[in-house]
N, C-alpha and C. Protein backbone atom coordinates (compact mmCIF):
# COMPACT_ATOMS: atom_id res chain seq x y z
N MET A 1 18.29 33.36 -29.66
CA MET A 1 19.13 32.33 -29.07
C MET A 1 20.28 32.95 -28.28
N LYS A 2 20.71 34.13 -28.67
CA LYS A 2 21.88 34.73 -28.04
C LYS A 2 21.52 35.55 -26.80
N LEU A 3 20.23 35.70 -26.52
CA LEU A 3 19.83 36.48 -25.35
C LEU A 3 20.33 35.80 -24.08
N PRO A 4 20.74 36.58 -23.08
CA PRO A 4 21.34 36.02 -21.87
C PRO A 4 20.31 35.52 -20.85
N TYR A 5 19.72 34.37 -21.13
CA TYR A 5 18.76 33.78 -20.19
C TYR A 5 19.52 33.20 -18.99
N LYS A 6 18.94 33.38 -17.82
CA LYS A 6 19.53 32.82 -16.60
C LYS A 6 19.34 31.30 -16.61
N GLU A 7 20.43 30.58 -16.38
CA GLU A 7 20.39 29.12 -16.33
C GLU A 7 20.62 28.68 -14.89
N ILE A 8 19.77 27.79 -14.40
CA ILE A 8 19.90 27.24 -13.05
C ILE A 8 20.39 25.81 -13.17
N ILE A 9 21.43 25.48 -12.41
CA ILE A 9 21.97 24.12 -12.39
C ILE A 9 21.95 23.64 -10.95
N GLU A 10 21.35 22.47 -10.75
CA GLU A 10 21.26 21.89 -9.41
C GLU A 10 21.66 20.43 -9.46
N ALA A 11 22.24 19.96 -8.36
CA ALA A 11 22.55 18.53 -8.25
C ALA A 11 21.23 17.78 -8.10
N SER A 12 21.09 16.67 -8.80
CA SER A 12 19.89 15.85 -8.73
C SER A 12 19.99 14.91 -7.54
N SER A 13 18.87 14.65 -6.88
CA SER A 13 18.85 13.71 -5.75
C SER A 13 19.11 12.29 -6.23
N GLU A 14 18.96 12.05 -7.52
CA GLU A 14 19.16 10.72 -8.10
C GLU A 14 20.54 10.60 -8.74
N GLY A 15 21.40 11.60 -8.54
CA GLY A 15 22.72 11.63 -9.17
C GLY A 15 22.69 12.47 -10.41
N GLY A 16 23.82 13.01 -10.77
CA GLY A 16 23.89 13.88 -11.93
C GLY A 16 23.37 15.27 -11.62
N TYR A 17 22.95 15.97 -12.67
CA TYR A 17 22.55 17.36 -12.54
C TYR A 17 21.28 17.64 -13.33
N VAL A 18 20.55 18.64 -12.87
CA VAL A 18 19.35 19.12 -13.56
C VAL A 18 19.60 20.59 -13.87
N GLY A 19 19.23 20.99 -15.08
CA GLY A 19 19.35 22.39 -15.46
C GLY A 19 18.06 22.89 -16.08
N TYR A 20 17.74 24.15 -15.82
CA TYR A 20 16.54 24.73 -16.40
C TYR A 20 16.70 26.23 -16.58
N ILE A 21 15.83 26.79 -17.40
CA ILE A 21 15.81 28.22 -17.68
C ILE A 21 14.46 28.75 -17.20
N PRO A 22 14.43 29.45 -16.07
CA PRO A 22 13.15 29.88 -15.48
C PRO A 22 12.30 30.75 -16.41
N ASP A 23 12.92 31.56 -17.25
CA ASP A 23 12.15 32.44 -18.14
C ASP A 23 11.50 31.70 -19.30
N LEU A 24 11.93 30.46 -19.54
CA LEU A 24 11.35 29.64 -20.60
C LEU A 24 10.67 28.45 -19.92
N LYS A 25 9.45 28.67 -19.50
CA LYS A 25 8.71 27.69 -18.69
C LYS A 25 8.71 26.30 -19.33
N GLY A 26 9.24 25.33 -18.59
CA GLY A 26 9.29 23.96 -19.08
C GLY A 26 10.59 23.61 -19.78
N CYS A 27 11.50 24.56 -19.91
CA CYS A 27 12.80 24.29 -20.54
C CYS A 27 13.72 23.70 -19.48
N ILE A 28 13.84 22.39 -19.48
CA ILE A 28 14.57 21.68 -18.43
C ILE A 28 15.25 20.45 -19.04
N THR A 29 16.38 20.07 -18.48
CA THR A 29 17.08 18.87 -18.93
C THR A 29 17.93 18.34 -17.79
N GLN A 30 18.48 17.16 -17.98
CA GLN A 30 19.36 16.59 -16.96
C GLN A 30 20.48 15.81 -17.63
N ALA A 31 21.59 15.66 -16.88
CA ALA A 31 22.76 14.95 -17.40
C ALA A 31 23.60 14.45 -16.23
N GLU A 32 24.55 13.60 -16.55
CA GLU A 32 25.43 13.04 -15.53
C GLU A 32 26.50 14.02 -15.06
N THR A 33 27.00 14.87 -15.96
CA THR A 33 28.05 15.82 -15.59
C THR A 33 27.60 17.24 -15.92
N LYS A 34 28.26 18.22 -15.28
CA LYS A 34 27.94 19.62 -15.56
C LYS A 34 28.27 19.98 -17.00
N THR A 35 29.36 19.44 -17.52
CA THR A 35 29.75 19.74 -18.90
C THR A 35 28.67 19.26 -19.87
N GLU A 36 28.21 18.01 -19.67
CA GLU A 36 27.13 17.48 -20.51
C GLU A 36 25.88 18.33 -20.36
N LEU A 37 25.60 18.70 -19.12
CA LEU A 37 24.39 19.46 -18.83
C LEU A 37 24.37 20.79 -19.58
N LEU A 38 25.49 21.49 -19.61
CA LEU A 38 25.54 22.78 -20.30
C LEU A 38 25.24 22.62 -21.78
N ASP A 39 25.79 21.58 -22.40
CA ASP A 39 25.50 21.32 -23.81
C ASP A 39 24.02 20.97 -24.01
N MET A 40 23.51 20.12 -23.14
CA MET A 40 22.11 19.68 -23.26
C MET A 40 21.15 20.83 -22.98
N LEU A 41 21.53 21.73 -22.06
CA LEU A 41 20.66 22.87 -21.76
C LEU A 41 20.61 23.82 -22.96
N GLU A 42 21.72 23.97 -23.64
CA GLU A 42 21.73 24.80 -24.85
C GLU A 42 20.82 24.19 -25.92
N ASP A 43 20.88 22.85 -26.07
CA ASP A 43 19.99 22.16 -27.01
C ASP A 43 18.52 22.30 -26.59
N ALA A 44 18.27 22.18 -25.28
CA ALA A 44 16.90 22.32 -24.78
C ALA A 44 16.37 23.72 -25.06
N LYS A 45 17.21 24.73 -24.85
CA LYS A 45 16.80 26.12 -25.12
C LYS A 45 16.48 26.30 -26.60
N LYS A 46 17.34 25.78 -27.45
CA LYS A 46 17.11 25.89 -28.90
C LYS A 46 15.79 25.21 -29.30
N GLY A 47 15.57 24.00 -28.79
CA GLY A 47 14.34 23.28 -29.09
C GLY A 47 13.12 23.99 -28.56
N TRP A 48 13.23 24.55 -27.35
CA TRP A 48 12.10 25.26 -26.73
C TRP A 48 11.73 26.47 -27.59
N ILE A 49 12.74 27.25 -27.99
CA ILE A 49 12.49 28.46 -28.77
C ILE A 49 11.93 28.11 -30.15
N GLU A 50 12.48 27.09 -30.80
CA GLU A 50 11.97 26.67 -32.11
C GLU A 50 10.51 26.23 -32.02
N THR A 51 10.18 25.45 -31.00
CA THR A 51 8.81 24.99 -30.81
C THR A 51 7.87 26.16 -30.53
N ALA A 52 8.33 27.11 -29.71
CA ALA A 52 7.52 28.28 -29.40
C ALA A 52 7.24 29.09 -30.67
N LEU A 53 8.26 29.28 -31.49
CA LEU A 53 8.08 30.03 -32.73
C LEU A 53 7.10 29.33 -33.67
N GLU A 54 7.24 28.01 -33.80
CA GLU A 54 6.34 27.24 -34.67
C GLU A 54 4.90 27.25 -34.15
N SER A 55 4.74 27.31 -32.84
CA SER A 55 3.41 27.25 -32.22
C SER A 55 2.80 28.63 -31.98
N GLY A 56 3.55 29.68 -32.26
CA GLY A 56 3.04 31.03 -32.04
C GLY A 56 3.01 31.43 -30.58
N ILE A 57 3.82 30.78 -29.76
CA ILE A 57 3.89 31.10 -28.33
C ILE A 57 4.84 32.28 -28.14
N ASP A 58 4.44 33.24 -27.29
CA ASP A 58 5.29 34.39 -27.01
C ASP A 58 6.56 33.93 -26.30
N ILE A 59 7.68 34.48 -26.71
CA ILE A 59 8.96 34.18 -26.07
C ILE A 59 9.36 35.42 -25.27
N LEU A 60 9.39 35.27 -23.96
CA LEU A 60 9.70 36.40 -23.09
C LEU A 60 11.18 36.74 -23.15
N GLU A 61 11.47 38.03 -23.01
CA GLU A 61 12.85 38.48 -22.90
C GLU A 61 13.39 38.01 -21.55
N PRO A 62 14.69 37.83 -21.44
CA PRO A 62 15.26 37.42 -20.14
C PRO A 62 14.97 38.47 -19.07
N VAL A 63 14.73 38.01 -17.86
CA VAL A 63 14.51 38.89 -16.71
C VAL A 63 15.76 38.84 -15.86
N HIS A 64 16.22 40.00 -15.43
CA HIS A 64 17.42 40.07 -14.60
C HIS A 64 17.09 40.74 -13.27
N ASP A 65 17.78 40.37 -12.22
CA ASP A 65 17.55 40.95 -10.91
C ASP A 65 17.72 42.46 -10.92
N ASP A 66 18.58 42.97 -11.82
CA ASP A 66 18.79 44.42 -11.92
C ASP A 66 17.54 45.15 -12.39
N ASP A 67 16.58 44.41 -12.98
CA ASP A 67 15.36 45.02 -13.48
C ASP A 67 14.39 45.40 -12.36
N PHE A 68 14.69 44.98 -11.12
CA PHE A 68 13.77 45.19 -10.01
C PHE A 68 14.46 45.94 -8.88
N SER A 69 13.83 47.02 -8.43
CA SER A 69 14.40 47.82 -7.35
C SER A 69 13.98 47.32 -5.98
N GLY A 70 12.92 46.52 -5.93
CA GLY A 70 12.40 46.10 -4.63
C GLY A 70 11.35 47.06 -4.10
N LYS A 71 11.02 48.07 -4.88
CA LYS A 71 10.03 49.06 -4.45
C LYS A 71 8.93 49.20 -5.49
N PHE A 72 7.70 49.36 -5.01
CA PHE A 72 6.59 49.73 -5.89
C PHE A 72 5.52 50.37 -5.04
N ASN A 73 4.69 51.19 -5.66
CA ASN A 73 3.61 51.87 -4.95
C ASN A 73 2.34 51.05 -5.07
N LEU A 74 1.56 51.03 -4.00
CA LEU A 74 0.32 50.28 -4.00
C LEU A 74 -0.76 51.14 -3.35
N ARG A 75 -1.85 51.33 -4.06
CA ARG A 75 -2.97 52.10 -3.50
C ARG A 75 -4.00 51.11 -2.96
N LEU A 76 -4.46 51.39 -1.73
CA LEU A 76 -5.43 50.52 -1.05
C LEU A 76 -6.64 51.32 -0.62
N PRO A 77 -7.75 50.65 -0.46
CA PRO A 77 -8.87 51.33 0.22
C PRO A 77 -8.45 51.66 1.65
N LYS A 78 -8.96 52.77 2.17
CA LYS A 78 -8.59 53.20 3.53
C LYS A 78 -8.87 52.11 4.57
N SER A 79 -9.97 51.38 4.40
CA SER A 79 -10.31 50.35 5.39
C SER A 79 -9.28 49.21 5.39
N LEU A 80 -8.79 48.84 4.22
CA LEU A 80 -7.78 47.80 4.14
C LEU A 80 -6.46 48.28 4.73
N HIS A 81 -6.10 49.53 4.47
CA HIS A 81 -4.90 50.13 5.04
C HIS A 81 -4.99 50.11 6.57
N ARG A 82 -6.15 50.50 7.09
CA ARG A 82 -6.36 50.53 8.54
C ARG A 82 -6.23 49.12 9.13
N ASN A 83 -6.86 48.12 8.50
CA ASN A 83 -6.80 46.74 9.00
C ASN A 83 -5.38 46.18 8.94
N LEU A 84 -4.69 46.49 7.87
CA LEU A 84 -3.31 46.02 7.72
C LEU A 84 -2.42 46.66 8.79
N ALA A 85 -2.60 47.95 9.03
CA ALA A 85 -1.81 48.64 10.05
C ALA A 85 -2.11 48.07 11.44
N ALA A 86 -3.37 47.75 11.70
CA ALA A 86 -3.73 47.17 13.00
C ALA A 86 -3.09 45.79 13.18
N CYS A 87 -3.08 44.97 12.13
CA CYS A 87 -2.43 43.65 12.20
C CYS A 87 -0.95 43.78 12.46
N ALA A 88 -0.32 44.74 11.78
CA ALA A 88 1.12 44.96 11.95
C ALA A 88 1.42 45.38 13.39
N LYS A 89 0.60 46.26 13.91
CA LYS A 89 0.79 46.72 15.29
C LYS A 89 0.63 45.56 16.27
N ASP A 90 -0.40 44.73 16.07
CA ASP A 90 -0.63 43.58 16.94
C ASP A 90 0.55 42.61 16.92
N GLU A 91 1.19 42.47 15.75
CA GLU A 91 2.33 41.56 15.60
C GLU A 91 3.65 42.20 16.00
N GLY A 92 3.65 43.51 16.20
CA GLY A 92 4.87 44.21 16.57
C GLY A 92 5.86 44.36 15.42
N VAL A 93 5.34 44.48 14.20
CA VAL A 93 6.19 44.65 13.02
C VAL A 93 5.75 45.88 12.26
N SER A 94 6.57 46.30 11.31
CA SER A 94 6.22 47.46 10.50
C SER A 94 5.11 47.10 9.51
N LEU A 95 4.44 48.13 9.05
CA LEU A 95 3.40 47.94 8.03
C LEU A 95 4.02 47.31 6.78
N ASN A 96 5.21 47.76 6.41
CA ASN A 96 5.90 47.23 5.24
C ASN A 96 6.19 45.73 5.42
N GLN A 97 6.71 45.36 6.58
CA GLN A 97 7.04 43.95 6.82
C GLN A 97 5.78 43.08 6.81
N MET A 98 4.70 43.58 7.40
CA MET A 98 3.45 42.83 7.42
C MET A 98 2.93 42.61 5.99
N ALA A 99 2.94 43.67 5.19
CA ALA A 99 2.46 43.56 3.81
C ALA A 99 3.34 42.59 3.01
N MET A 100 4.66 42.68 3.19
CA MET A 100 5.57 41.79 2.47
C MET A 100 5.31 40.33 2.83
N CYS A 101 5.15 40.04 4.10
CA CYS A 101 4.89 38.66 4.53
C CYS A 101 3.56 38.13 3.99
N LEU A 102 2.53 38.96 4.01
CA LEU A 102 1.24 38.53 3.50
C LEU A 102 1.27 38.29 2.00
N ILE A 103 1.96 39.16 1.27
CA ILE A 103 2.08 38.97 -0.17
C ILE A 103 2.85 37.69 -0.46
N ALA A 104 3.98 37.50 0.22
CA ALA A 104 4.81 36.31 0.00
C ALA A 104 4.05 35.03 0.33
N SER A 105 3.30 35.03 1.41
CA SER A 105 2.57 33.81 1.79
C SER A 105 1.43 33.54 0.83
N GLY A 106 0.82 34.58 0.28
CA GLY A 106 -0.26 34.39 -0.68
C GLY A 106 0.22 33.93 -2.03
N LEU A 107 1.45 34.30 -2.38
CA LEU A 107 2.01 33.92 -3.66
C LEU A 107 2.87 32.67 -3.55
N HIS A 108 3.06 32.20 -2.34
CA HIS A 108 3.94 31.05 -2.07
C HIS A 108 5.35 31.35 -2.56
N VAL A 109 5.79 32.59 -2.31
CA VAL A 109 7.12 33.02 -2.70
C VAL A 109 8.04 32.90 -1.48
N PRO A 110 9.15 32.21 -1.59
CA PRO A 110 10.06 32.13 -0.43
C PRO A 110 10.62 33.51 -0.11
N LEU A 111 10.82 33.79 1.17
CA LEU A 111 11.35 35.09 1.57
C LEU A 111 12.86 35.14 1.43
N THR A 112 13.52 33.99 1.27
CA THR A 112 14.96 33.96 1.06
C THR A 112 15.25 33.18 -0.19
N LYS A 113 16.38 33.46 -0.78
CA LYS A 113 16.78 32.74 -1.99
C LYS A 113 17.65 31.58 -1.65
């Protein structure tokens, strides 16, 4: 319960606020004020963890942005490397930028936060 999970708080389009913990899939709540929301989010986290423990569901450790450098190595077949390099050249971008865009579009990951 004391682990530092990242909490996201957003204004709701219907009024009030919505809060969730991305590392605890489905741990979400809403309230009229931010103060209420923080209390309710703590209750939601406690309930989520208790239910996970009772159900034998793995509880992931919190993930922090500091855990990621933005770099990793990837080995490809030579033919795929060649095709990727040709696409990058045709688009006038670096091989790195082309690979990043293709990965992001395939994962439906936004390129900006």
